[in-house]
Amino acid sequence: MGQLQRLAIAPTQLHNEQILLANEQQHYLHRVLRLREGDHFIAMDGTGNSWLAVLSGNYAQILESIVVESELKVAVNLILALPKGNGFDEVVRCCTEIGVSCIMPVLSDRTLLQPSPQKLERWRRIAKEAAEQSERSLIPTILEPVPLHQALAAATSRQLYFCVARRNYPHLKTLLTATSTEITIAIGPEGGWTTPEIEGAIAAEFQLVSLGRRVLRAVTAPIVAMSLVSAAFDG
């Protein structure tokens, strides 16, 4: 079962135990994955539901519902200041593979990137593909970019962490406890957060934390943070 290919589908594609495949999905299964008529694969709707299915032309027949236990034991929300260039693509891909639940891109005082709607569509597509590749049962939610203060105000987790470099704050790994069910971690842009942003995080009841003694790039820090969470909650 674990060696079967994964395909993310929309719930609206399900009709009477059949999956109506879109043209791009047919191309992916037949041309990219090289599946043939009668081959099995796992269909997932990205919300935790998975099925064993058999390919049959432009549709797939559902054989049975299956349980895929590949998620972290904690929901992880990342508030991420957008880095320059295309670095956010890799952040979305890697953090999805590690187990992130939701990514909230934010515009900070030092943000240089002003993303277009096409960027958001691209990030969501990358998250879907990474979830398929890493055999997850959930596809992370990628929200529309908003100003930092808006993301901080919207955070509802009981455990809120705001990563700050070059300061002597508790290391994130020392604060992760097995009883956590949901955490939110905010990570800044190249050059770090500004003083008003740090003050705003404190006012929003975020705890200031460190990811270590070294200063990490904006595209590296989220992957390090997710790796720490995975080490604490995976398995």
Protein backbone atom coordinates (compact mmCIF):
# COMPACT_ATOMS: atom_id res chain seq x y z
CA MET A 1 0.00 0.00 0.00
CA GLY A 2 2.76 2.42 0.88
CA GLN A 3 4.31 2.14 -2.59
CA LEU A 4 1.19 3.23 -4.44
CA GLN A 5 1.16 6.63 -6.11
CA ARG A 6 -0.92 9.43 -4.59
CA LEU A 7 -3.34 11.78 -6.33
CA ALA A 8 -5.02 14.77 -4.70
CA ILE A 9 -8.62 15.28 -5.79
CA ALA A 10 -11.40 17.73 -5.02
CA PRO A 11 -14.42 16.39 -3.11
CA THR A 12 -16.62 17.50 -6.03
CA GLN A 13 -14.94 14.88 -8.24
CA LEU A 14 -16.55 12.04 -6.26
CA HIS A 15 -19.76 10.61 -7.71
CA ASN A 16 -21.25 7.21 -6.83
CA GLU A 17 -17.95 5.63 -5.77
CA GLN A 18 -16.22 7.00 -8.87
CA ILE A 19 -13.67 9.76 -9.30
CA LEU A 20 -14.14 11.87 -12.42
CA LEU A 21 -10.59 12.74 -13.47
CA ALA A 22 -9.72 16.14 -14.92
CA ASN A 23 -7.64 16.24 -18.10
CA GLU A 24 -4.47 17.22 -16.24
CA GLN A 25 -5.01 14.41 -13.74
CA GLN A 26 -5.42 11.89 -16.55
CA HIS A 27 -2.19 13.16 -18.10
CA TYR A 28 -0.41 12.93 -14.73
CA LEU A 29 -1.55 9.36 -14.07
CA HIS A 30 -1.06 8.01 -17.59
CA ARG A 31 1.91 10.00 -18.90
CA VAL A 32 3.87 11.06 -15.83
CA LEU A 33 3.27 8.15 -13.44
CA ARG A 34 2.93 5.64 -16.31
CA LEU A 35 -0.12 3.96 -14.80
CA ARG A 36 -2.26 1.74 -17.00
CA GLU A 37 -5.87 0.60 -17.00
CA GLY A 38 -6.47 -1.51 -13.91
CA ASP A 39 -3.54 -0.07 -11.93
CA HIS A 40 -4.21 0.97 -8.35
CA PHE A 41 -3.40 4.31 -6.71
CA ILE A 42 -4.42 6.24 -3.60
CA ALA A 43 -6.76 9.20 -3.97
CA MET A 44 -6.82 11.84 -1.22
CA ASP A 45 -9.06 14.87 -0.78
CA GLY A 46 -6.52 16.81 1.29
CA THR A 47 -8.72 16.92 4.38
CA GLY A 48 -7.79 13.51 5.80
CA ASN A 49 -9.87 11.20 3.60
CA SER A 50 -8.08 8.64 1.41
CA TRP A 51 -9.27 5.82 -0.84
CA LEU A 52 -7.76 2.93 -2.73
CA ALA A 53 -8.81 3.41 -6.36
CA VAL A 54 -8.33 1.62 -9.67
CA LEU A 55 -7.71 3.53 -12.90
CA SER A 56 -10.24 3.14 -15.68
CA GLY A 57 -9.96 5.58 -18.58
CA ASN A 58 -11.09 9.07 -17.68
CA TYR A 59 -12.30 8.03 -14.23
CA ALA A 60 -11.21 5.88 -11.29
CA GLN A 61 -13.30 3.42 -9.33
CA ILE A 62 -13.08 3.60 -5.54
CA LEU A 63 -12.39 0.19 -4.03
CA GLU A 64 -12.25 1.04 -0.34
CA SER A 65 -11.62 3.79 2.17
CA ILE A 66 -8.20 3.58 3.81
CA VAL A 67 -6.49 5.18 6.79
CA VAL A 68 -3.23 7.05 6.13
CA GLU A 69 -1.36 7.81 9.35
CA SER A 70 1.32 10.20 8.18
CA GLU A 71 0.49 13.45 9.96
CA LEU A 72 2.27 15.08 12.89
CA LYS A 73 0.58 14.83 16.27
CA VAL A 74 0.33 18.62 16.41
CA ALA A 75 -1.12 21.20 14.02
CA VAL A 76 1.57 23.69 12.98
CA ASN A 77 0.76 27.14 11.66
CA LEU A 78 3.64 29.11 10.17
CA ILE A 79 3.50 32.90 9.89
CA LEU A 80 6.23 33.62 7.35
CA ALA A 81 7.53 36.94 6.10
CA LEU A 82 7.93 36.63 2.35
CA PRO A 83 11.58 36.33 1.25
CA LYS A 84 12.98 37.86 -1.90
CA GLY A 85 13.00 36.05 -5.23
CA ASN A 86 11.40 32.63 -5.58
CA GLY A 87 12.64 31.31 -2.25
CA PHE A 88 9.12 30.91 -0.91
CA ASP A 89 8.47 28.12 -3.41
CA GLU A 90 11.04 25.92 -1.69
CA VAL A 91 9.82 26.93 1.76
CA VAL A 92 6.29 25.78 0.89
CA ARG A 93 7.57 22.54 -0.62
CA CYS A 94 9.88 21.57 2.25
CA CYS A 95 7.54 22.60 5.07
CA THR A 96 4.72 20.65 3.44
CA GLU A 97 6.91 17.56 3.29
CA ILE A 98 7.81 17.94 6.98
CA GLY A 99 4.21 18.35 8.10
CA VAL A 100 3.02 21.98 8.27
CA SER A 101 -0.75 22.49 8.58
CA CYS A 102 -1.13 26.11 7.49
CA ILE A 103 1.17 28.74 6.02
CA MET A 104 0.32 32.41 6.47
CA PRO A 105 2.52 34.59 4.22
CA VAL A 106 2.93 38.09 5.64
CA LEU A 107 4.17 41.45 4.45
CA SER A 108 6.67 42.80 6.97
CA ASP A 109 8.52 46.11 7.21
CA ARG A 110 11.45 44.57 5.32
CA THR A 111 9.46 42.54 2.79
CA LEU A 112 10.67 43.17 -0.76
CA LEU A 113 8.30 40.81 -2.57
CA GLN A 114 4.82 41.97 -3.53
CA PRO A 115 3.21 38.71 -4.65
CA SER A 116 0.70 38.47 -7.46
CA PRO A 117 -2.42 36.25 -7.37
CA GLN A 118 -0.53 33.88 -9.66
CA LYS A 119 2.08 33.41 -6.92
CA LEU A 120 -0.58 32.26 -4.47
CA GLU A 121 -1.93 29.77 -7.02
CA ARG A 122 1.60 28.49 -7.58
CA TRP A 123 2.25 28.02 -3.85
CA ARG A 124 -0.99 26.09 -3.45
CA ARG A 125 -0.10 23.86 -6.38
CA ILE A 126 3.35 23.24 -4.89
CA ALA A 127 1.77 22.31 -1.54
CA LYS A 128 -0.59 19.85 -3.25
CA GLU A 129 2.24 18.21 -5.20
CA ALA A 130 4.48 18.04 -2.11
CA ALA A 131 1.66 16.47 -0.07
CA GLU A 132 1.20 13.81 -2.76
CA GLN A 133 4.94 13.12 -2.95
CA SER A 134 5.41 12.87 0.82
CA GLU A 135 2.35 10.62 1.23
CA ARG A 136 0.47 12.96 3.50
CA SER A 137 -3.27 12.77 4.09
CA LEU A 138 -3.66 16.53 4.47
CA ILE A 139 -2.80 19.34 2.08
CA PRO A 140 -1.64 22.44 3.97
CA THR A 141 -3.71 25.59 3.71
CA ILE A 142 -1.84 28.45 2.05
CA LEU A 143 -3.53 31.73 2.95
CA GLU A 144 -3.42 34.99 1.05
CA PRO A 145 -0.58 37.35 2.09
CA VAL A 146 -1.58 39.92 4.71
CA PRO A 147 0.26 42.52 6.82
CA LEU A 148 2.04 41.06 9.84
CA HIS A 149 -0.20 42.72 12.43
CA GLN A 150 -3.25 41.13 10.80
CA ALA A 151 -1.72 37.64 10.96
CA LEU A 152 -0.70 38.10 14.60
CA ALA A 153 -4.22 39.19 15.54
CA ALA A 154 -5.72 36.18 13.75
CA ALA A 155 -3.55 33.59 15.55
CA THR A 156 -5.69 31.46 17.87
CA SER A 157 -3.22 28.83 19.11
CA ARG A 158 -2.50 28.69 22.81
CA GLN A 159 1.21 28.38 22.06
CA LEU A 160 2.48 31.34 20.05
CA TYR A 161 6.18 31.68 19.20
CA PHE A 162 7.95 34.60 17.52
CA CYS A 163 11.44 33.72 16.29
CA VAL A 164 14.06 36.42 16.77
CA ALA A 165 17.76 36.22 15.82
CA ARG A 166 20.78 37.70 17.59
CA ARG A 167 19.11 37.81 21.00
CA ASN A 168 19.25 35.58 24.05
CA TYR A 169 15.78 34.04 24.09
CA PRO A 170 14.75 30.44 24.96
CA HIS A 171 15.37 27.93 22.19
CA LEU A 172 12.19 26.77 20.48
CA LYS A 173 13.05 23.10 21.06
CA THR A 174 12.93 23.57 24.85
CA LEU A 175 9.35 24.86 24.71
CA LEU A 176 7.75 22.11 22.62
CA THR A 177 5.75 19.80 24.87
CA ALA A 178 4.04 16.52 24.09
CA THR A 179 0.70 17.90 25.26
CA SER A 180 0.56 20.53 22.52
CA THR A 181 -2.22 20.15 19.96
CA GLU A 182 -1.64 23.32 17.93
CA ILE A 183 1.21 25.80 17.74
CA THR A 184 1.90 28.94 15.74
CA ILE A 185 5.44 30.00 14.82
CA ALA A 186 6.29 33.35 13.22
CA ILE A 187 9.54 33.71 11.26
CA GLY A 188 10.87 36.95 9.82
CA PRO A 189 12.40 38.21 6.55
CA GLU A 190 15.99 38.74 5.48
CA GLY A 191 17.38 41.23 7.99
CA GLY A 192 14.98 40.11 10.71
CA TRP A 193 12.00 41.72 12.35
CA THR A 194 12.03 45.42 13.18
CA THR A 195 11.69 46.63 16.76
CA PRO A 196 8.05 47.75 16.27
CA GLU A 197 7.21 44.32 14.85
CA ILE A 198 8.75 42.58 17.85
CA GLU A 199 6.83 44.88 20.18
CA GLY A 200 3.65 44.09 18.25
CA ALA A 201 4.25 40.37 18.69
CA ILE A 202 4.70 40.78 22.43
CA ALA A 203 1.47 42.76 22.58
CA ALA A 204 -0.25 39.90 20.71
CA GLU A 205 1.01 37.51 23.44
CA PHE A 206 3.63 35.75 21.31
CA GLN A 207 6.64 34.38 23.19
CA LEU A 208 10.01 35.44 21.77
CA VAL A 209 12.20 32.44 20.94
CA SER A 210 15.45 31.52 19.23
CA LEU A 211 16.28 28.92 16.59
CA GLY A 212 19.93 28.73 17.67
CA ARG A 213 23.13 30.72 17.83
CA ARG A 214 23.52 31.11 14.08
CA VAL A 215 21.66 33.62 11.91
CA LEU A 216 19.60 31.69 9.38
CA ARG A 217 18.36 32.79 5.99
CA ALA A 218 14.64 33.48 5.66
CA VAL A 219 14.24 30.34 3.54
CA THR A 220 16.22 28.18 5.97
CA ALA A 221 14.62 29.21 9.28
CA PRO A 222 11.12 27.79 8.57
CA ILE A 223 12.61 24.44 7.60
CA VAL A 224 14.67 24.37 10.81
CA ALA A 225 11.61 25.26 12.88
CA MET A 226 9.52 22.55 11.23
CA SER A 227 12.31 20.02 11.71
CA LEU A 228 12.37 20.78 15.44
CA VAL A 229 8.60 20.30 15.64
CA SER A 230 8.80 17.08 13.64
CA ALA A 231 11.49 15.70 15.94
CA ALA A 232 9.31 16.46 18.97
CA PHE A 233 5.97 15.20 17.66
CA ASP A 234 6.58 12.65 14.90
CA GLY A 235 6.21 8.97 15.66
